[in-house]
């Protein structure tokens, strides 16, 4: 894990890989919970019996947005800033859903620091977030995440 003292320490790491998380297993309970919260209950996500009959691997698949929503959880394994204020999600750019994620799959997050700029009493960082899909030559998702981390 990369440990930084203050948000401005990101400036020294621009252009570098920040690291990768542990593998995270996508379970049906995750998919069902996300479907309930978002209202996206299309059968390919939640109907296990129909997916067994009609999906290529016979499994439901995770919502792309669910996989993307794992960034905050998994990036806690990649970096931490010890002296900091609040962190604000500043947005996302170039989100691409590349490969389907069947239930039971394992994903992990890799982050590369694209940029870091001092802004509004903190540091705005842009990371390229890649979700590796265990056993697949293609990643599941690639997106640029923008985060503003305030100074202490």
N, C-alpha and C. Protein backbone atom coordinates (compact mmCIF):
# COMPACT_ATOMS: atom_id res chain seq x y z
N UNK A 1 0.84 -1.18 0.00
CA UNK A 1 0.00 0.00 0.00
C UNK A 1 0.88 1.24 0.00
N UNK A 2 0.48 2.20 -0.82
CA UNK A 2 1.18 3.48 -0.87
C UNK A 2 0.62 4.37 0.24
N UNK A 3 1.48 4.83 1.14
CA UNK A 3 1.06 5.72 2.22
C UNK A 3 1.67 7.09 1.98
N UNK A 4 0.80 8.08 1.88
CA UNK A 4 1.22 9.47 1.66
C UNK A 4 0.93 10.27 2.92
N UNK A 5 1.74 11.28 3.17
CA UNK A 5 1.54 12.11 4.34
C UNK A 5 0.41 13.11 4.13
N UNK A 6 0.44 13.83 3.01
CA UNK A 6 -0.58 14.84 2.71
C UNK A 6 -1.08 14.67 1.28
N UNK A 7 -2.22 15.24 0.94
CA UNK A 7 -2.72 15.12 -0.43
C UNK A 7 -1.74 15.63 -1.49
N UNK A 8 -0.99 16.67 -1.18
CA UNK A 8 -0.05 17.21 -2.17
C UNK A 8 1.09 16.23 -2.50
N UNK A 9 1.29 15.21 -1.69
CA UNK A 9 2.31 14.20 -1.98
C UNK A 9 2.00 13.43 -3.27
N UNK A 10 0.73 13.45 -3.71
CA UNK A 10 0.40 12.82 -4.99
C UNK A 10 1.17 13.43 -6.15
N UNK A 11 1.54 14.71 -6.02
CA UNK A 11 2.25 15.40 -7.11
C UNK A 11 3.54 14.68 -7.47
N UNK A 12 4.15 13.98 -6.53
CA UNK A 12 5.40 13.26 -6.77
C UNK A 12 5.19 11.91 -7.46
N UNK A 13 3.94 11.50 -7.63
CA UNK A 13 3.65 10.17 -8.17
C UNK A 13 2.94 10.18 -9.52
N UNK A 14 2.80 11.36 -10.12
CA UNK A 14 2.11 11.46 -11.41
C UNK A 14 2.83 10.59 -12.45
N UNK A 15 2.04 9.86 -13.21
CA UNK A 15 2.59 8.98 -14.24
C UNK A 15 2.98 7.60 -13.73
N UNK A 16 2.75 7.35 -12.46
CA UNK A 16 3.14 6.05 -11.88
C UNK A 16 1.92 5.19 -11.56
N UNK A 17 2.15 3.89 -11.52
CA UNK A 17 1.15 2.97 -11.02
C UNK A 17 1.11 3.09 -9.50
N UNK A 18 -0.10 3.20 -8.95
CA UNK A 18 -0.25 3.31 -7.50
C UNK A 18 -0.33 1.95 -6.83
N UNK A 19 -0.78 0.95 -7.56
CA UNK A 19 -0.86 -0.39 -7.01
C UNK A 19 -2.14 -1.09 -7.42
N UNK A 20 -2.39 -2.22 -6.77
CA UNK A 20 -3.58 -3.00 -7.07
C UNK A 20 -4.17 -3.53 -5.78
N UNK A 21 -5.48 -3.78 -5.82
CA UNK A 21 -6.18 -4.32 -4.65
C UNK A 21 -6.09 -5.84 -4.65
N UNK A 22 -6.62 -6.42 -3.59
CA UNK A 22 -6.83 -7.87 -3.56
C UNK A 22 -7.98 -8.19 -4.51
N UNK A 23 -8.14 -9.47 -4.82
CA UNK A 23 -9.27 -9.91 -5.63
C UNK A 23 -10.54 -9.81 -4.80
N UNK A 24 -11.63 -9.43 -5.48
CA UNK A 24 -12.95 -9.30 -4.87
C UNK A 24 -13.90 -10.19 -5.64
N UNK A 25 -14.60 -11.10 -4.95
CA UNK A 25 -15.53 -12.02 -5.60
C UNK A 25 -16.92 -11.41 -5.68
N UNK A 26 -17.47 -11.38 -6.90
CA UNK A 26 -18.81 -10.85 -7.14
C UNK A 26 -19.82 -11.96 -6.83
N UNK A 27 -20.64 -11.74 -5.82
CA UNK A 27 -21.64 -12.71 -5.42
C UNK A 27 -23.03 -12.25 -5.84
N UNK A 28 -23.96 -13.20 -5.94
CA UNK A 28 -25.33 -12.85 -6.35
C UNK A 28 -25.96 -11.87 -5.37
N UNK A 29 -25.63 -11.98 -4.10
CA UNK A 29 -26.20 -11.04 -3.12
C UNK A 29 -25.77 -9.60 -3.40
N UNK A 30 -24.55 -9.41 -3.92
CA UNK A 30 -24.10 -8.06 -4.31
C UNK A 30 -24.94 -7.54 -5.47
N UNK A 31 -25.12 -8.40 -6.47
CA UNK A 31 -25.88 -8.03 -7.66
C UNK A 31 -27.33 -7.72 -7.29
N UNK A 32 -27.93 -8.58 -6.49
CA UNK A 32 -29.33 -8.38 -6.07
C UNK A 32 -29.48 -7.08 -5.28
N UNK A 33 -28.56 -6.82 -4.38
CA UNK A 33 -28.62 -5.59 -3.58
C UNK A 33 -28.49 -4.35 -4.45
N UNK A 34 -27.59 -4.40 -5.41
CA UNK A 34 -27.43 -3.27 -6.32
C UNK A 34 -28.69 -3.08 -7.16
N UNK A 35 -29.26 -4.18 -7.64
CA UNK A 35 -30.49 -4.11 -8.43
C UNK A 35 -31.63 -3.49 -7.62
N UNK A 36 -31.73 -3.88 -6.36
CA UNK A 36 -32.78 -3.33 -5.51
C UNK A 36 -32.59 -1.83 -5.29
N UNK A 37 -31.36 -1.42 -5.04
CA UNK A 37 -31.09 0.00 -4.79
C UNK A 37 -31.31 0.87 -6.03
N UNK A 38 -30.95 0.36 -7.18
CA UNK A 38 -30.99 1.18 -8.40
C UNK A 38 -32.24 0.98 -9.23
N UNK A 39 -32.98 -0.10 -8.99
CA UNK A 39 -34.13 -0.41 -9.81
C UNK A 39 -33.77 -1.09 -11.11
N UNK A 40 -32.49 -1.37 -11.33
CA UNK A 40 -32.06 -2.06 -12.54
C UNK A 40 -32.13 -3.56 -12.29
N UNK A 41 -33.33 -4.10 -12.46
CA UNK A 41 -33.54 -5.51 -12.16
C UNK A 41 -33.76 -6.34 -13.43
N UNK A 42 -33.09 -5.96 -14.50
CA UNK A 42 -33.19 -6.70 -15.75
C UNK A 42 -32.76 -8.15 -15.48
N UNK A 43 -33.41 -9.09 -16.13
CA UNK A 43 -33.24 -10.50 -15.81
C UNK A 43 -31.80 -10.99 -15.92
N UNK A 44 -30.99 -10.42 -16.81
CA UNK A 44 -29.60 -10.90 -16.94
C UNK A 44 -28.81 -10.72 -15.65
N UNK A 45 -29.31 -9.85 -14.76
CA UNK A 45 -28.64 -9.61 -13.48
C UNK A 45 -29.22 -10.44 -12.34
N UNK A 46 -30.54 -10.64 -12.34
CA UNK A 46 -31.18 -11.17 -11.13
C UNK A 46 -31.92 -12.49 -11.29
N UNK A 47 -32.20 -12.93 -12.49
CA UNK A 47 -32.96 -14.17 -12.68
C UNK A 47 -31.99 -15.33 -12.94
N UNK A 48 -31.60 -15.99 -11.86
CA UNK A 48 -30.59 -17.05 -11.92
C UNK A 48 -31.06 -18.20 -12.81
N UNK A 49 -32.30 -18.60 -12.67
CA UNK A 49 -32.81 -19.74 -13.46
C UNK A 49 -32.82 -19.42 -14.95
N UNK A 50 -33.28 -18.24 -15.31
CA UNK A 50 -33.30 -17.87 -16.73
C UNK A 50 -31.88 -17.73 -17.28
N UNK A 51 -31.00 -17.16 -16.47
CA UNK A 51 -29.60 -17.01 -16.91
C UNK A 51 -28.97 -18.38 -17.17
N UNK A 52 -29.31 -19.37 -16.35
CA UNK A 52 -28.77 -20.73 -16.57
C UNK A 52 -29.19 -21.26 -17.93
N UNK A 53 -30.38 -20.89 -18.37
CA UNK A 53 -30.89 -21.36 -19.67
C UNK A 53 -30.41 -20.51 -20.84
N UNK A 54 -30.29 -19.19 -20.65
CA UNK A 54 -30.14 -18.29 -21.79
C UNK A 54 -28.83 -17.51 -21.89
N UNK A 55 -28.07 -17.44 -20.83
CA UNK A 55 -26.82 -16.67 -20.89
C UNK A 55 -25.67 -17.57 -21.37
N UNK A 56 -24.70 -16.99 -22.07
CA UNK A 56 -23.60 -17.80 -22.63
C UNK A 56 -22.89 -18.69 -21.60
N UNK A 57 -22.62 -18.20 -20.41
CA UNK A 57 -21.96 -19.02 -19.39
C UNK A 57 -22.96 -19.62 -18.40
N UNK A 58 -24.24 -19.37 -18.64
CA UNK A 58 -25.27 -19.90 -17.75
C UNK A 58 -25.32 -19.20 -16.41
N UNK A 59 -24.84 -17.95 -16.35
CA UNK A 59 -24.78 -17.21 -15.09
C UNK A 59 -25.31 -15.80 -15.29
N UNK A 60 -25.81 -15.24 -14.19
CA UNK A 60 -26.15 -13.82 -14.21
C UNK A 60 -24.86 -13.02 -14.34
N UNK A 61 -24.99 -11.75 -14.73
CA UNK A 61 -23.82 -10.88 -14.82
C UNK A 61 -24.02 -9.64 -13.95
N UNK A 62 -22.93 -9.14 -13.44
CA UNK A 62 -22.96 -7.94 -12.60
C UNK A 62 -23.22 -6.72 -13.46
N UNK A 63 -23.88 -5.75 -12.88
CA UNK A 63 -24.08 -4.46 -13.53
C UNK A 63 -22.70 -3.79 -13.70
N UNK A 64 -22.47 -3.18 -14.84
CA UNK A 64 -21.23 -2.44 -15.02
C UNK A 64 -21.07 -1.34 -13.99
N UNK A 65 -22.16 -0.66 -13.68
CA UNK A 65 -22.10 0.41 -12.67
C UNK A 65 -21.78 -0.14 -11.29
N UNK A 66 -22.20 -1.37 -10.99
CA UNK A 66 -21.84 -1.97 -9.71
C UNK A 66 -20.33 -2.17 -9.63
N UNK A 67 -19.75 -2.74 -10.68
CA UNK A 67 -18.30 -2.95 -10.68
C UNK A 67 -17.59 -1.61 -10.50
N UNK A 68 -18.01 -0.60 -11.25
CA UNK A 68 -17.41 0.72 -11.15
C UNK A 68 -17.55 1.29 -9.73
N UNK A 69 -18.67 1.01 -9.08
CA UNK A 69 -18.90 1.54 -7.73
C UNK A 69 -17.98 0.94 -6.68
N UNK A 70 -17.24 -0.10 -7.05
CA UNK A 70 -16.30 -0.71 -6.11
C UNK A 70 -15.00 0.09 -5.94
N UNK A 71 -14.81 1.13 -6.76
CA UNK A 71 -13.56 1.90 -6.67
C UNK A 71 -13.28 2.38 -5.25
N UNK A 72 -14.18 3.10 -4.57
CA UNK A 72 -13.85 3.57 -3.22
C UNK A 72 -13.47 2.46 -2.26
N UNK A 73 -14.20 1.36 -2.32
CA UNK A 73 -13.92 0.23 -1.42
C UNK A 73 -12.54 -0.37 -1.69
N UNK A 74 -12.25 -0.64 -2.94
CA UNK A 74 -11.00 -1.33 -3.27
C UNK A 74 -9.78 -0.41 -3.25
N UNK A 75 -9.96 0.88 -3.53
CA UNK A 75 -8.78 1.75 -3.52
C UNK A 75 -8.23 1.97 -2.11
N UNK A 76 -9.01 1.65 -1.10
CA UNK A 76 -8.50 1.71 0.28
C UNK A 76 -7.35 0.72 0.50
N UNK A 77 -7.25 -0.27 -0.37
CA UNK A 77 -6.14 -1.22 -0.29
C UNK A 77 -4.93 -0.74 -1.10
N UNK A 78 -5.11 0.33 -1.87
CA UNK A 78 -4.05 0.79 -2.77
C UNK A 78 -3.28 1.97 -2.20
N UNK A 79 -4.01 2.96 -1.67
CA UNK A 79 -3.31 4.12 -1.08
C UNK A 79 -4.10 4.67 0.09
N UNK A 80 -3.35 5.40 0.95
CA UNK A 80 -3.99 6.16 2.02
C UNK A 80 -3.18 7.43 2.24
N UNK A 81 -3.88 8.45 2.70
CA UNK A 81 -3.26 9.73 3.02
C UNK A 81 -3.49 9.96 4.50
N UNK A 82 -2.40 10.07 5.27
CA UNK A 82 -2.53 10.09 6.74
C UNK A 82 -3.03 11.43 7.27
N UNK A 83 -2.60 12.53 6.69
CA UNK A 83 -3.02 13.87 7.14
C UNK A 83 -3.84 14.50 6.03
N UNK A 84 -5.16 14.44 6.18
CA UNK A 84 -6.03 14.91 5.11
C UNK A 84 -7.37 15.36 5.66
N UNK A 85 -8.05 16.13 4.86
CA UNK A 85 -9.44 16.49 5.16
C UNK A 85 -10.35 15.56 4.38
N UNK A 86 -11.51 16.09 4.05
CA UNK A 86 -12.51 15.26 3.35
C UNK A 86 -12.10 14.99 1.91
N UNK A 87 -12.62 13.91 1.38
CA UNK A 87 -12.43 13.57 -0.02
C UNK A 87 -13.75 13.71 -0.75
N UNK A 88 -13.72 14.32 -1.91
CA UNK A 88 -14.93 14.55 -2.69
C UNK A 88 -14.80 13.92 -4.07
N UNK A 89 -15.79 13.11 -4.43
CA UNK A 89 -15.83 12.55 -5.77
C UNK A 89 -16.07 13.71 -6.73
N UNK A 90 -15.14 13.95 -7.63
CA UNK A 90 -15.19 15.09 -8.54
C UNK A 90 -15.74 14.69 -9.91
N UNK A 91 -15.82 13.38 -10.18
CA UNK A 91 -16.39 12.93 -11.44
C UNK A 91 -15.63 11.77 -12.04
N UNK A 92 -16.08 11.38 -13.22
CA UNK A 92 -15.46 10.29 -13.98
C UNK A 92 -15.39 10.70 -15.44
N UNK A 93 -14.41 10.20 -16.13
CA UNK A 93 -14.26 10.42 -17.56
C UNK A 93 -13.96 9.09 -18.22
N UNK A 94 -14.30 8.98 -19.48
CA UNK A 94 -13.94 7.85 -20.32
C UNK A 94 -14.21 6.50 -19.66
N UNK A 95 -15.42 6.29 -19.21
CA UNK A 95 -15.81 5.01 -18.62
C UNK A 95 -16.10 4.01 -19.74
N UNK A 96 -15.46 2.84 -19.67
CA UNK A 96 -15.66 1.80 -20.68
C UNK A 96 -15.92 0.47 -19.98
N UNK A 97 -17.03 -0.17 -20.37
CA UNK A 97 -17.37 -1.51 -19.88
C UNK A 97 -16.94 -2.49 -20.96
N UNK A 98 -15.86 -3.20 -20.72
CA UNK A 98 -15.21 -3.97 -21.77
C UNK A 98 -15.62 -5.44 -21.77
N UNK A 99 -15.74 -6.05 -20.62
CA UNK A 99 -16.07 -7.48 -20.54
C UNK A 99 -17.14 -7.70 -19.48
N UNK A 100 -18.08 -8.59 -19.79
CA UNK A 100 -19.11 -8.95 -18.81
C UNK A 100 -18.48 -9.64 -17.61
N UNK A 101 -19.09 -9.44 -16.44
CA UNK A 101 -18.59 -10.01 -15.19
C UNK A 101 -19.65 -10.98 -14.65
N UNK A 102 -19.50 -12.27 -14.95
CA UNK A 102 -20.47 -13.26 -14.46
C UNK A 102 -20.38 -13.41 -12.94
N UNK A 103 -21.52 -13.75 -12.33
CA UNK A 103 -21.54 -14.00 -10.90
C UNK A 103 -20.47 -15.05 -10.57
N UNK A 104 -19.82 -14.88 -9.45
CA UNK A 104 -18.75 -15.79 -9.04
C UNK A 104 -17.37 -15.37 -9.53
N UNK A 105 -17.33 -14.37 -10.42
CA UNK A 105 -16.04 -13.89 -10.93
C UNK A 105 -15.30 -13.09 -9.86
N UNK A 106 -14.00 -13.02 -10.07
CA UNK A 106 -13.16 -12.19 -9.20
C UNK A 106 -12.63 -11.02 -10.02
N UNK A 107 -12.71 -9.82 -9.40
CA UNK A 107 -12.15 -8.62 -10.01
C UNK A 107 -11.17 -8.00 -9.03
N UNK A 108 -10.22 -7.25 -9.58
CA UNK A 108 -9.35 -6.45 -8.72
C UNK A 108 -9.15 -5.11 -9.40
N UNK A 109 -8.88 -4.10 -8.59
CA UNK A 109 -8.67 -2.75 -9.07
C UNK A 109 -7.19 -2.44 -9.16
N UNK A 110 -6.77 -1.93 -10.32
CA UNK A 110 -5.43 -1.37 -10.48
C UNK A 110 -5.59 0.12 -10.74
N UNK A 111 -4.73 0.94 -10.13
CA UNK A 111 -4.81 2.38 -10.34
C UNK A 111 -3.48 2.94 -10.80
N UNK A 112 -3.59 3.85 -11.77
CA UNK A 112 -2.45 4.58 -12.32
C UNK A 112 -2.78 6.06 -12.13
N UNK A 113 -1.83 6.83 -11.60
CA UNK A 113 -2.06 8.26 -11.36
C UNK A 113 -1.78 9.04 -12.64
N UNK A 114 -2.83 9.47 -13.29
CA UNK A 114 -2.72 10.21 -14.54
C UNK A 114 -2.30 11.65 -14.29
N UNK A 115 -2.90 12.29 -13.26
CA UNK A 115 -2.56 13.68 -12.96
C UNK A 115 -2.85 14.00 -11.51
N UNK A 116 -2.22 15.06 -11.04
CA UNK A 116 -2.46 15.59 -9.70
C UNK A 116 -2.20 17.09 -9.77
N UNK A 117 -3.16 17.86 -9.30
CA UNK A 117 -3.07 19.32 -9.35
C UNK A 117 -3.58 19.90 -8.04
N UNK A 118 -2.90 20.92 -7.56
CA UNK A 118 -3.37 21.64 -6.38
C UNK A 118 -4.62 22.42 -6.78
N UNK A 119 -5.67 22.32 -5.94
CA UNK A 119 -6.93 22.95 -6.27
C UNK A 119 -7.80 23.11 -5.03
N UNK A 120 -8.35 24.29 -4.83
CA UNK A 120 -9.37 24.52 -3.80
C UNK A 120 -8.99 23.99 -2.42
N UNK A 121 -7.80 24.29 -1.94
CA UNK A 121 -7.39 23.87 -0.61
C UNK A 121 -7.12 22.38 -0.49
N UNK A 122 -6.79 21.76 -1.61
CA UNK A 122 -6.50 20.34 -1.60
C UNK A 122 -5.79 19.95 -2.88
N UNK A 123 -5.88 18.69 -3.21
CA UNK A 123 -5.25 18.17 -4.42
C UNK A 123 -6.29 17.36 -5.19
N UNK A 124 -6.42 17.71 -6.46
CA UNK A 124 -7.33 16.96 -7.34
C UNK A 124 -6.49 15.94 -8.09
N UNK A 125 -6.86 14.65 -7.93
CA UNK A 125 -6.13 13.59 -8.60
C UNK A 125 -7.04 12.90 -9.61
N UNK A 126 -6.44 12.48 -10.71
CA UNK A 126 -7.15 11.68 -11.70
C UNK A 126 -6.42 10.35 -11.80
N UNK A 127 -7.15 9.29 -11.50
CA UNK A 127 -6.58 7.94 -11.60
C UNK A 127 -7.24 7.19 -12.74
N UNK A 128 -6.44 6.40 -13.43
CA UNK A 128 -7.00 5.46 -14.41
C UNK A 128 -7.25 4.18 -13.64
N UNK A 129 -8.51 3.82 -13.53
CA UNK A 129 -8.95 2.65 -12.77
C UNK A 129 -9.23 1.51 -13.73
N UNK A 130 -8.52 0.43 -13.57
CA UNK A 130 -8.71 -0.76 -14.40
C UNK A 130 -9.15 -1.91 -13.52
N UNK A 131 -10.29 -2.50 -13.87
CA UNK A 131 -10.76 -3.68 -13.15
C UNK A 131 -10.35 -4.91 -13.94
N UNK A 132 -9.36 -5.62 -13.42
CA UNK A 132 -8.96 -6.90 -14.02
C UNK A 132 -10.04 -7.92 -13.70
N UNK A 133 -10.29 -8.81 -14.65
CA UNK A 133 -11.24 -9.90 -14.50
C UNK A 133 -10.44 -11.19 -14.50
N UNK A 134 -10.42 -11.88 -13.37
CA UNK A 134 -9.60 -13.07 -13.21
C UNK A 134 -9.89 -14.08 -14.33
N UNK A 135 -8.84 -14.51 -15.01
CA UNK A 135 -8.96 -15.49 -16.07
C UNK A 135 -9.29 -14.92 -17.43
N UNK A 136 -9.44 -13.62 -17.53
CA UNK A 136 -9.79 -12.98 -18.81
C UNK A 136 -8.61 -12.15 -19.31
N UNK A 137 -8.35 -12.20 -20.62
CA UNK A 137 -7.28 -11.35 -21.16
C UNK A 137 -7.70 -9.88 -21.23
N UNK A 138 -9.02 -9.63 -21.15
CA UNK A 138 -9.54 -8.26 -21.20
C UNK A 138 -9.99 -7.82 -19.82
N UNK A 139 -9.79 -6.55 -19.49
CA UNK A 139 -10.34 -6.05 -18.23
C UNK A 139 -11.85 -5.93 -18.32
N UNK A 140 -12.50 -5.86 -17.17
CA UNK A 140 -13.95 -5.69 -17.13
C UNK A 140 -14.34 -4.23 -17.37
N UNK A 141 -13.64 -3.32 -16.71
CA UNK A 141 -13.96 -1.90 -16.78
C UNK A 141 -12.66 -1.10 -16.75
N UNK A 142 -12.65 0.00 -17.50
CA UNK A 142 -11.58 1.00 -17.41
C UNK A 142 -12.25 2.36 -17.33
N UNK A 143 -11.84 3.18 -16.36
CA UNK A 143 -12.43 4.51 -16.20
C UNK A 143 -11.42 5.45 -15.55
N UNK A 144 -11.56 6.71 -15.86
CA UNK A 144 -10.79 7.74 -15.17
C UNK A 144 -11.65 8.28 -14.04
N UNK A 145 -11.12 8.25 -12.84
CA UNK A 145 -11.81 8.77 -11.65
C UNK A 145 -11.10 10.03 -11.19
N UNK A 146 -11.87 11.02 -10.85
CA UNK A 146 -11.33 12.30 -10.37
C UNK A 146 -11.77 12.47 -8.92
N UNK A 147 -10.82 12.73 -8.06
CA UNK A 147 -11.06 12.85 -6.63
C UNK A 147 -10.36 14.09 -6.12
N UNK A 148 -11.08 14.91 -5.35
CA UNK A 148 -10.48 16.06 -4.69
C UNK A 148 -10.31 15.72 -3.23
N UNK A 149 -9.06 15.69 -2.77
CA UNK A 149 -8.78 15.40 -1.36
C UNK A 149 -8.33 16.70 -0.72
N UNK A 150 -9.10 17.16 0.24
CA UNK A 150 -8.84 18.43 0.92
C UNK A 150 -7.64 18.29 1.87
N UNK A 151 -6.95 19.38 2.08
CA UNK A 151 -5.89 19.42 3.08
C UNK A 151 -6.53 19.34 4.46
N UNK A 152 -5.71 18.98 5.44
CA UNK A 152 -6.16 18.85 6.83
C UNK A 152 -6.62 20.18 7.38
